[in-house]
């Protein structure tokens, strides 16, 4: 019985620890190489699988660029994104909130257009988001200093030409 209680406590602690990490960090080297060579390799848990599938179906026009890949790479990327999408990572705080913010069958075009992401950034002045050091909401790492680790906490936000967000 003591063993069962101990294991339950450990499980709860691990679950709580996952909630500190906002989304599962990227752990696929092919994804890091292919997608991270042009932009921040966004954690798969920032979008639902239907959005990743839509994006993968149009790699020849990926936000104005041709991001086409060979068939084997396409399959690897698609599997990784689907296996790690937001709805499959509900034990992570941001993934859960992202899924909960979407209407049934809603397919967001981009991370920055999702209701939850827009709501989280609504208090930030537009000039801070559009400044050359940030460029837009798509550039997570400009302000979220631990985004590579899957951490998108207000405490870790440091906006260029403004400073720490949680202290203002």
N, C-alpha and C. Protein backbone atom coordinates (compact mmCIF):
# COMPACT_ATOMS: atom_id res chain seq x y z
N UNK A 1 0.82 -1.19 0.00
CA UNK A 1 0.00 0.00 0.00
C UNK A 1 0.87 1.26 0.00
N UNK A 2 1.94 1.24 0.81
CA UNK A 2 2.84 2.39 0.86
C UNK A 2 3.46 2.66 -0.51
N UNK A 3 3.76 1.56 -1.20
CA UNK A 3 4.35 1.68 -2.54
C UNK A 3 3.37 2.37 -3.50
N UNK A 4 2.12 1.99 -3.42
CA UNK A 4 1.08 2.57 -4.27
C UNK A 4 0.90 4.06 -3.98
N UNK A 5 0.89 4.42 -2.72
CA UNK A 5 0.77 5.84 -2.34
C UNK A 5 1.98 6.62 -2.84
N UNK A 6 3.16 6.05 -2.66
CA UNK A 6 4.39 6.70 -3.12
C UNK A 6 4.35 6.91 -4.64
N UNK A 7 3.96 5.89 -5.38
CA UNK A 7 3.88 6.00 -6.84
C UNK A 7 2.84 7.04 -7.26
N UNK A 8 1.74 7.12 -6.53
CA UNK A 8 0.71 8.12 -6.83
C UNK A 8 1.25 9.53 -6.62
N UNK A 9 1.99 9.72 -5.54
CA UNK A 9 2.58 11.04 -5.26
C UNK A 9 3.58 11.41 -6.34
N UNK A 10 4.42 10.46 -6.73
CA UNK A 10 5.41 10.71 -7.79
C UNK A 10 4.70 11.06 -9.10
N UNK A 11 3.64 10.34 -9.43
CA UNK A 11 2.88 10.62 -10.66
C UNK A 11 2.30 12.03 -10.64
N UNK A 12 1.76 12.43 -9.50
CA UNK A 12 1.19 13.78 -9.37
C UNK A 12 2.28 14.84 -9.53
N UNK A 13 3.44 14.58 -8.95
CA UNK A 13 4.55 15.53 -9.06
C UNK A 13 5.01 15.65 -10.51
N UNK A 14 5.11 14.53 -11.20
CA UNK A 14 5.51 14.57 -12.61
C UNK A 14 4.48 15.31 -13.45
N UNK A 15 3.20 15.08 -13.18
CA UNK A 15 2.14 15.78 -13.89
C UNK A 15 2.24 17.28 -13.63
N UNK A 16 2.45 17.65 -12.38
CA UNK A 16 2.57 19.07 -12.02
C UNK A 16 3.79 19.68 -12.69
N UNK A 17 4.88 18.94 -12.78
CA UNK A 17 6.10 19.43 -13.44
C UNK A 17 5.82 19.70 -14.91
N UNK A 18 5.06 18.82 -15.57
CA UNK A 18 4.71 19.03 -16.97
C UNK A 18 3.90 20.31 -17.16
N UNK A 19 3.11 20.69 -16.16
CA UNK A 19 2.32 21.90 -16.28
C UNK A 19 3.20 23.15 -16.23
N UNK A 20 4.39 23.05 -15.66
CA UNK A 20 5.32 24.18 -15.65
C UNK A 20 5.91 24.38 -17.04
N UNK A 21 6.18 23.28 -17.71
CA UNK A 21 6.61 23.35 -19.10
C UNK A 21 5.33 23.54 -19.89
N UNK A 22 5.20 24.62 -20.60
CA UNK A 22 3.94 24.97 -21.26
C UNK A 22 3.53 23.99 -22.35
N UNK A 23 4.49 23.55 -23.13
CA UNK A 23 4.26 22.58 -24.20
C UNK A 23 5.45 21.64 -24.23
N UNK A 24 5.24 20.46 -24.78
CA UNK A 24 6.35 19.52 -24.90
C UNK A 24 7.40 20.13 -25.83
N UNK A 25 8.65 20.19 -25.40
CA UNK A 25 9.69 20.73 -26.28
C UNK A 25 9.91 19.82 -27.48
N UNK A 26 10.43 20.38 -28.55
CA UNK A 26 10.69 19.62 -29.77
C UNK A 26 11.76 18.57 -29.48
N UNK A 27 11.47 17.32 -29.85
CA UNK A 27 12.42 16.24 -29.61
C UNK A 27 12.66 15.40 -30.86
N UNK A 28 12.43 15.98 -32.02
CA UNK A 28 12.61 15.27 -33.28
C UNK A 28 13.67 15.99 -34.10
N UNK A 29 14.77 15.32 -34.36
CA UNK A 29 15.90 15.95 -35.04
C UNK A 29 15.59 16.32 -36.49
N UNK A 30 14.79 15.51 -37.18
CA UNK A 30 14.41 15.83 -38.56
C UNK A 30 13.60 17.11 -38.58
N UNK A 31 12.65 17.23 -37.67
CA UNK A 31 11.83 18.43 -37.57
C UNK A 31 12.69 19.65 -37.24
N UNK A 32 13.58 19.49 -36.26
CA UNK A 32 14.47 20.60 -35.89
C UNK A 32 15.29 21.06 -37.09
N UNK A 33 15.82 20.11 -37.84
CA UNK A 33 16.67 20.44 -38.99
C UNK A 33 15.86 21.08 -40.11
N UNK A 34 14.78 20.44 -40.51
CA UNK A 34 14.01 20.92 -41.67
C UNK A 34 13.29 22.23 -41.38
N UNK A 35 12.59 22.29 -40.29
CA UNK A 35 11.78 23.48 -39.98
C UNK A 35 12.60 24.54 -39.27
N UNK A 36 13.49 24.10 -38.41
CA UNK A 36 14.33 25.02 -37.65
C UNK A 36 15.40 25.70 -38.47
N UNK A 37 15.62 25.25 -39.70
CA UNK A 37 16.62 25.91 -40.55
C UNK A 37 16.12 27.25 -41.08
N UNK A 38 14.80 27.46 -41.07
CA UNK A 38 14.23 28.72 -41.56
C UNK A 38 13.61 29.57 -40.45
N UNK A 39 13.10 28.93 -39.43
CA UNK A 39 12.43 29.65 -38.34
C UNK A 39 12.50 28.82 -37.07
N UNK A 40 12.05 29.38 -35.99
CA UNK A 40 11.95 28.66 -34.73
C UNK A 40 11.17 27.37 -34.97
N UNK A 41 11.70 26.26 -34.52
CA UNK A 41 11.01 24.97 -34.65
C UNK A 41 9.91 24.93 -33.59
N UNK A 42 8.73 25.39 -33.98
CA UNK A 42 7.61 25.50 -33.06
C UNK A 42 7.27 24.14 -32.46
N UNK A 43 7.06 24.06 -31.16
CA UNK A 43 6.62 22.80 -30.57
C UNK A 43 5.29 22.36 -31.20
N UNK A 44 5.19 21.07 -31.49
CA UNK A 44 3.98 20.54 -32.13
C UNK A 44 2.74 20.78 -31.29
N UNK A 45 2.90 20.88 -29.98
CA UNK A 45 1.78 21.10 -29.08
C UNK A 45 1.17 22.48 -29.14
N UNK A 46 1.69 23.34 -30.02
CA UNK A 46 1.11 24.68 -30.17
C UNK A 46 0.00 24.72 -31.22
N UNK A 47 -0.22 23.61 -31.92
CA UNK A 47 -1.30 23.54 -32.91
C UNK A 47 -1.98 22.18 -32.84
N UNK A 48 -3.27 22.12 -33.16
CA UNK A 48 -3.94 20.83 -33.26
C UNK A 48 -3.52 20.12 -34.55
N UNK A 49 -3.72 18.83 -34.60
CA UNK A 49 -3.28 18.05 -35.76
C UNK A 49 -3.93 18.51 -37.06
N UNK A 50 -5.20 18.94 -37.03
CA UNK A 50 -5.83 19.38 -38.28
C UNK A 50 -5.12 20.60 -38.87
N UNK A 51 -4.58 21.46 -38.02
CA UNK A 51 -3.84 22.63 -38.51
C UNK A 51 -2.48 22.21 -39.06
N UNK A 52 -1.80 21.28 -38.37
CA UNK A 52 -0.51 20.79 -38.89
C UNK A 52 -0.73 20.11 -40.24
N UNK A 53 -1.80 19.30 -40.36
CA UNK A 53 -2.07 18.61 -41.62
C UNK A 53 -2.31 19.61 -42.75
N UNK A 54 -3.08 20.64 -42.47
CA UNK A 54 -3.35 21.68 -43.47
C UNK A 54 -2.05 22.36 -43.89
N UNK A 55 -1.19 22.65 -42.93
CA UNK A 55 0.09 23.29 -43.23
C UNK A 55 0.98 22.38 -44.07
N UNK A 56 1.02 21.11 -43.71
CA UNK A 56 1.86 20.15 -44.44
C UNK A 56 1.37 19.93 -45.87
N UNK A 57 0.07 20.05 -46.08
CA UNK A 57 -0.50 19.87 -47.42
C UNK A 57 -0.14 21.00 -48.37
N UNK A 58 0.37 22.11 -47.86
CA UNK A 58 0.66 23.27 -48.69
C UNK A 58 2.08 23.78 -48.47
N UNK A 59 3.04 22.88 -48.37
CA UNK A 59 4.43 23.29 -48.13
C UNK A 59 5.02 24.08 -49.29
N UNK A 60 4.46 23.93 -50.47
CA UNK A 60 4.98 24.70 -51.62
C UNK A 60 4.67 26.19 -51.48
N UNK A 61 3.72 26.52 -50.61
CA UNK A 61 3.42 27.92 -50.31
C UNK A 61 3.28 28.07 -48.79
N UNK A 62 4.39 27.89 -48.11
CA UNK A 62 4.44 27.93 -46.65
C UNK A 62 4.72 29.36 -46.21
N UNK A 63 3.64 30.11 -45.97
CA UNK A 63 3.74 31.52 -45.60
C UNK A 63 4.60 32.30 -46.61
N UNK A 64 4.36 31.99 -47.90
CA UNK A 64 5.05 32.71 -48.97
C UNK A 64 6.34 32.08 -49.45
N UNK A 65 6.80 31.03 -48.79
CA UNK A 65 8.03 30.34 -49.18
C UNK A 65 7.74 28.91 -49.61
N UNK A 66 8.63 28.37 -50.43
CA UNK A 66 8.53 26.97 -50.82
C UNK A 66 9.32 26.14 -49.81
N UNK A 67 8.61 25.40 -48.98
CA UNK A 67 9.25 24.57 -47.95
C UNK A 67 9.08 23.09 -48.28
N UNK A 68 8.94 22.77 -49.55
CA UNK A 68 8.73 21.38 -49.97
C UNK A 68 9.87 20.48 -49.50
N UNK A 69 9.51 19.25 -49.18
CA UNK A 69 10.49 18.25 -48.74
C UNK A 69 10.22 16.95 -49.50
N UNK A 70 11.19 16.03 -49.47
CA UNK A 70 10.99 14.75 -50.13
C UNK A 70 9.94 13.92 -49.38
N UNK A 71 9.48 12.86 -50.01
CA UNK A 71 8.37 12.07 -49.47
C UNK A 71 8.69 11.46 -48.10
N UNK A 72 9.89 10.93 -47.93
CA UNK A 72 10.26 10.32 -46.65
C UNK A 72 10.27 11.36 -45.53
N UNK A 73 10.84 12.52 -45.81
CA UNK A 73 10.87 13.59 -44.82
C UNK A 73 9.46 14.07 -44.50
N UNK A 74 8.63 14.17 -45.54
CA UNK A 74 7.23 14.57 -45.36
C UNK A 74 6.53 13.63 -44.38
N UNK A 75 6.71 12.33 -44.59
CA UNK A 75 6.07 11.34 -43.71
C UNK A 75 6.59 11.45 -42.28
N UNK A 76 7.89 11.64 -42.14
CA UNK A 76 8.49 11.77 -40.81
C UNK A 76 7.95 13.00 -40.09
N UNK A 77 7.92 14.13 -40.79
CA UNK A 77 7.43 15.37 -40.19
C UNK A 77 5.94 15.26 -39.84
N UNK A 78 5.16 14.74 -40.77
CA UNK A 78 3.71 14.60 -40.53
C UNK A 78 3.42 13.71 -39.33
N UNK A 79 4.13 12.60 -39.24
CA UNK A 79 3.93 11.69 -38.10
C UNK A 79 4.30 12.38 -36.80
N UNK A 80 5.44 13.05 -36.77
CA UNK A 80 5.87 13.74 -35.55
C UNK A 80 4.83 14.80 -35.14
N UNK A 81 4.41 15.63 -36.09
CA UNK A 81 3.46 16.70 -35.77
C UNK A 81 2.12 16.16 -35.30
N UNK A 82 1.64 15.11 -35.94
CA UNK A 82 0.37 14.51 -35.54
C UNK A 82 0.47 13.81 -34.19
N UNK A 83 1.55 13.09 -33.97
CA UNK A 83 1.72 12.37 -32.71
C UNK A 83 1.92 13.30 -31.52
N UNK A 84 2.35 14.53 -31.77
CA UNK A 84 2.67 15.47 -30.69
C UNK A 84 1.85 16.75 -30.73
N UNK A 85 0.76 16.74 -31.47
CA UNK A 85 -0.09 17.93 -31.61
C UNK A 85 -0.76 18.30 -30.29
N UNK A 86 -1.36 19.46 -30.26
CA UNK A 86 -1.94 20.00 -29.03
C UNK A 86 -2.93 19.05 -28.36
N UNK A 87 -3.84 18.48 -29.13
CA UNK A 87 -4.86 17.62 -28.51
C UNK A 87 -4.28 16.31 -27.98
N UNK A 88 -3.07 15.98 -28.38
CA UNK A 88 -2.42 14.77 -27.86
C UNK A 88 -1.46 15.10 -26.72
N UNK A 89 -1.42 16.36 -26.33
CA UNK A 89 -0.54 16.82 -25.25
C UNK A 89 -1.31 17.63 -24.21
N UNK A 90 -2.49 17.16 -23.88
CA UNK A 90 -3.36 17.90 -22.96
C UNK A 90 -2.82 17.98 -21.53
N UNK A 91 -1.77 17.22 -21.22
CA UNK A 91 -1.17 17.32 -19.89
C UNK A 91 -0.22 18.51 -19.79
N UNK A 92 -0.01 19.22 -20.90
CA UNK A 92 0.79 20.44 -20.89
C UNK A 92 -0.15 21.65 -20.91
N UNK A 93 0.11 22.59 -20.04
CA UNK A 93 -0.77 23.74 -19.81
C UNK A 93 -1.19 24.48 -21.08
N UNK A 94 -0.24 24.91 -21.88
CA UNK A 94 -0.58 25.71 -23.07
C UNK A 94 -1.29 24.87 -24.12
N UNK A 95 -0.85 23.64 -24.33
CA UNK A 95 -1.53 22.78 -25.30
C UNK A 95 -3.00 22.62 -24.92
N UNK A 96 -3.25 22.39 -23.65
CA UNK A 96 -4.63 22.23 -23.17
C UNK A 96 -5.44 23.50 -23.41
N UNK A 97 -4.88 24.64 -23.08
CA UNK A 97 -5.60 25.91 -23.25
C UNK A 97 -5.83 26.23 -24.73
N UNK A 98 -4.87 25.88 -25.56
CA UNK A 98 -5.02 26.09 -27.01
C UNK A 98 -6.20 25.29 -27.53
N UNK A 99 -6.25 24.01 -27.19
CA UNK A 99 -7.35 23.15 -27.65
C UNK A 99 -8.68 23.67 -27.13
N UNK A 100 -8.73 24.05 -25.87
CA UNK A 100 -9.98 24.54 -25.27
C UNK A 100 -10.45 25.85 -25.89
N UNK A 101 -9.54 26.62 -26.49
CA UNK A 101 -9.93 27.91 -27.07
C UNK A 101 -10.52 27.79 -28.48
N UNK A 102 -10.35 26.63 -29.08
CA UNK A 102 -10.81 26.45 -30.46
C UNK A 102 -12.24 25.94 -30.53
N UNK A 103 -12.97 26.43 -31.51
CA UNK A 103 -14.32 25.92 -31.77
C UNK A 103 -14.19 24.52 -32.36
N UNK A 104 -15.22 23.67 -32.20
CA UNK A 104 -15.15 22.34 -32.80
C UNK A 104 -14.88 22.43 -34.30
N UNK A 105 -13.97 21.62 -34.76
CA UNK A 105 -13.57 21.55 -36.18
C UNK A 105 -12.88 22.81 -36.70
N UNK A 106 -12.54 23.76 -35.83
CA UNK A 106 -11.81 24.95 -36.26
C UNK A 106 -10.39 24.55 -36.65
N UNK A 107 -9.93 25.07 -37.78
CA UNK A 107 -8.58 24.80 -38.25
C UNK A 107 -7.83 26.12 -38.36
N UNK A 108 -7.01 26.43 -37.36
CA UNK A 108 -6.27 27.70 -37.42
C UNK A 108 -5.23 27.69 -38.54
N UNK A 109 -5.01 28.86 -39.13
CA UNK A 109 -4.03 29.00 -40.21
C UNK A 109 -2.61 29.10 -39.68
N UNK A 110 -2.47 29.57 -38.45
CA UNK A 110 -1.16 29.79 -37.86
C UNK A 110 -1.30 29.84 -36.35
N UNK A 111 -0.20 29.63 -35.67
CA UNK A 111 -0.20 29.70 -34.20
C UNK A 111 -0.68 31.08 -33.75
N UNK A 112 -0.22 32.10 -34.42
CA UNK A 112 -0.53 33.48 -34.01
C UNK A 112 -1.99 33.88 -34.22
N UNK A 113 -2.77 33.08 -34.94
CA UNK A 113 -4.18 33.41 -35.18
C UNK A 113 -5.14 32.69 -34.23
N UNK A 114 -4.63 31.84 -33.38
CA UNK A 114 -5.51 31.09 -32.48
C UNK A 114 -6.06 31.97 -31.37
N UNK A 115 -7.31 31.75 -30.99
CA UNK A 115 -7.93 32.59 -29.96
C UNK A 115 -7.11 32.68 -28.68
N UNK A 116 -6.59 31.57 -28.20
CA UNK A 116 -5.82 31.60 -26.95
C UNK A 116 -4.56 32.45 -27.09
N UNK A 117 -3.85 32.30 -28.17
CA UNK A 117 -2.61 33.06 -28.38
C UNK A 117 -2.93 34.55 -28.52
N UNK A 118 -3.96 34.88 -29.26
CA UNK A 118 -4.36 36.29 -29.41
C UNK A 118 -4.76 36.89 -28.06
N UNK A 119 -5.49 36.12 -27.27
CA UNK A 119 -5.92 36.59 -25.95
C UNK A 119 -4.71 36.81 -25.03
N UNK A 120 -3.73 35.91 -25.07
CA UNK A 120 -2.55 36.03 -24.21
C UNK A 120 -1.70 37.25 -24.56
N UNK A 121 -1.80 37.71 -25.80
CA UNK A 121 -0.97 38.83 -26.25
C UNK A 121 -1.73 40.14 -26.41
N UNK A 122 -3.01 40.17 -26.06
CA UNK A 122 -3.83 41.35 -26.32
C UNK A 122 -3.40 42.59 -25.55
N UNK A 123 -2.76 42.43 -24.40
CA UNK A 123 -2.35 43.59 -23.60
C UNK A 123 -1.03 44.20 -24.07
N UNK A 124 -0.35 43.52 -24.95
CA UNK A 124 0.94 44.02 -25.43
C UNK A 124 0.70 45.02 -26.55
N UNK A 125 1.30 46.18 -26.43
CA UNK A 125 1.13 47.22 -27.44
C UNK A 125 1.58 46.71 -28.82
N UNK A 126 0.84 47.09 -29.84
CA UNK A 126 1.12 46.64 -31.20
C UNK A 126 2.54 47.03 -31.65
N UNK A 127 3.00 48.23 -31.27
CA UNK A 127 4.33 48.66 -31.70
C UNK A 127 5.43 47.78 -31.11
N UNK A 128 5.19 47.18 -29.96
CA UNK A 128 6.18 46.26 -29.38
C UNK A 128 6.23 44.95 -30.15
N UNK A 129 5.08 44.53 -30.65
CA UNK A 129 4.99 43.28 -31.41
C UNK A 129 5.55 43.45 -32.82
N UNK A 130 5.32 44.60 -33.43
CA UNK A 130 5.73 44.81 -34.82
C UNK A 130 7.12 45.42 -34.97
N UNK A 131 7.77 45.77 -33.86
CA UNK A 131 9.11 46.36 -33.96
C UNK A 131 10.07 45.39 -34.65
N UNK A 132 11.15 45.92 -35.22
CA UNK A 132 12.07 45.10 -36.01
C UNK A 132 12.69 43.96 -35.21
N UNK A 133 12.87 44.14 -33.90
CA UNK A 133 13.47 43.09 -33.08
C UNK A 133 12.52 41.92 -32.82
N UNK A 134 11.24 42.14 -33.00
CA UNK A 134 10.25 41.08 -32.76
C UNK A 134 9.62 40.65 -34.08
N UNK A 135 9.16 41.56 -34.88
CA UNK A 135 8.57 41.35 -36.21
C UNK A 135 7.11 40.89 -36.19
N UNK A 136 6.69 40.15 -35.18
CA UNK A 136 5.31 39.68 -35.12
C UNK A 136 5.16 38.55 -34.12
N UNK A 137 3.93 38.14 -33.89
CA UNK A 137 3.67 37.07 -32.92
C UNK A 137 4.27 35.73 -33.34
N UNK A 138 4.60 35.59 -34.59
CA UNK A 138 5.20 34.34 -35.08
C UNK A 138 6.61 34.13 -34.54
N UNK A 139 7.26 35.18 -34.08
CA UNK A 139 8.66 35.11 -33.64
C UNK A 139 8.73 34.90 -32.12
N UNK A 140 8.30 33.76 -31.66
CA UNK A 140 8.19 33.46 -30.23
C UNK A 140 9.48 33.73 -29.46
N UNK A 141 10.60 33.32 -30.03
CA UNK A 141 11.88 33.40 -29.30
C UNK A 141 12.37 34.82 -29.10
N UNK A 142 11.78 35.79 -29.78
CA UNK A 142 12.18 37.19 -29.57
C UNK A 142 11.87 37.63 -28.14
N UNK A 143 10.81 37.10 -27.57
CA UNK A 143 10.38 37.51 -26.22
C UNK A 143 10.35 36.36 -25.22
N UNK A 144 9.99 35.18 -25.69
CA UNK A 144 9.91 34.01 -24.81
C UNK A 144 11.28 33.35 -24.77
N UNK A 145 12.06 33.71 -23.78
CA UNK A 145 13.47 33.33 -23.73
C UNK A 145 13.70 31.83 -23.51
N UNK A 146 12.71 31.11 -23.03
CA UNK A 146 12.84 29.67 -22.84
C UNK A 146 11.92 28.87 -23.75
N UNK A 147 11.53 29.47 -24.87
CA UNK A 147 10.62 28.80 -25.81
C UNK A 147 11.21 27.49 -26.33
N UNK A 148 12.52 27.45 -26.53
CA UNK A 148 13.16 26.21 -27.02
C UNK A 148 12.94 25.05 -26.06
N UNK A 149 12.73 25.36 -24.79
CA UNK A 149 12.51 24.32 -23.77
C UNK A 149 11.02 24.03 -23.57
N UNK A 150 10.16 24.70 -24.33
CA UNK A 150 8.72 24.52 -24.19
C UNK A 150 8.11 25.36 -23.10
N UNK A 151 8.84 26.37 -22.62
CA UNK A 151 8.35 27.23 -21.54
C UNK A 151 7.87 28.56 -22.14
N UNK A 152 6.59 28.86 -21.94
CA UNK A 152 6.00 30.10 -22.43
C UNK A 152 5.32 30.83 -21.28
N UNK A 153 6.00 30.93 -20.17
CA UNK A 153 5.47 31.56 -18.97
C UNK A 153 5.64 33.07 -19.04
N UNK A 154 4.69 33.80 -18.46
CA UNK A 154 4.81 35.27 -18.39
C UNK A 154 6.10 35.68 -17.69
N UNK A 155 6.55 34.87 -16.75
CA UNK A 155 7.77 35.17 -16.00
C UNK A 155 9.02 35.15 -16.88
N UNK A 156 8.96 34.46 -18.00
CA UNK A 156 10.11 34.34 -18.89
C UNK A 156 10.06 35.29 -20.08
N UNK A 157 9.07 36.15 -20.13
CA UNK A 157 8.92 37.07 -21.25
C UNK A 157 9.80 38.30 -21.02
N UNK A 158 10.62 38.59 -22.01
CA UNK A 158 11.49 39.78 -21.99
C UNK A 158 11.36 40.43 -23.37
N UNK A 159 10.55 41.45 -23.45
CA UNK A 159 10.24 42.11 -24.72
C UNK A 159 11.34 43.11 -25.06
N UNK A 160 11.94 42.99 -26.25
CA UNK A 160 12.95 43.97 -26.65
C UNK A 160 12.42 45.40 -26.56
N UNK A 161 13.24 46.29 -26.08
CA UNK A 161 12.91 47.71 -25.92
C UNK A 161 11.77 47.96 -24.94
N UNK A 162 11.50 46.98 -24.09
CA UNK A 162 10.47 47.13 -23.06
C UNK A 162 10.92 46.52 -21.74
N UNK A 163 11.37 45.28 -21.79
CA UNK A 163 11.84 44.60 -20.59
C UNK A 163 10.96 43.44 -20.19
N UNK A 164 11.12 43.02 -18.94
CA UNK A 164 10.39 41.87 -18.41
C UNK A 164 8.90 42.19 -18.36
N UNK A 165 8.08 41.31 -18.90
CA UNK A 165 6.65 41.53 -18.96
C UNK A 165 5.99 41.38 -17.60
N UNK A 166 6.42 40.43 -16.79
CA UNK A 166 5.75 40.16 -15.52
C UNK A 166 5.98 41.24 -14.46
N UNK A 167 6.89 42.16 -14.70
CA UNK A 167 7.18 43.22 -13.72
C UNK A 167 6.47 44.53 -14.04
N UNK A 168 5.80 44.60 -15.16
CA UNK A 168 5.17 45.85 -15.59
C UNK A 168 3.73 45.91 -15.14
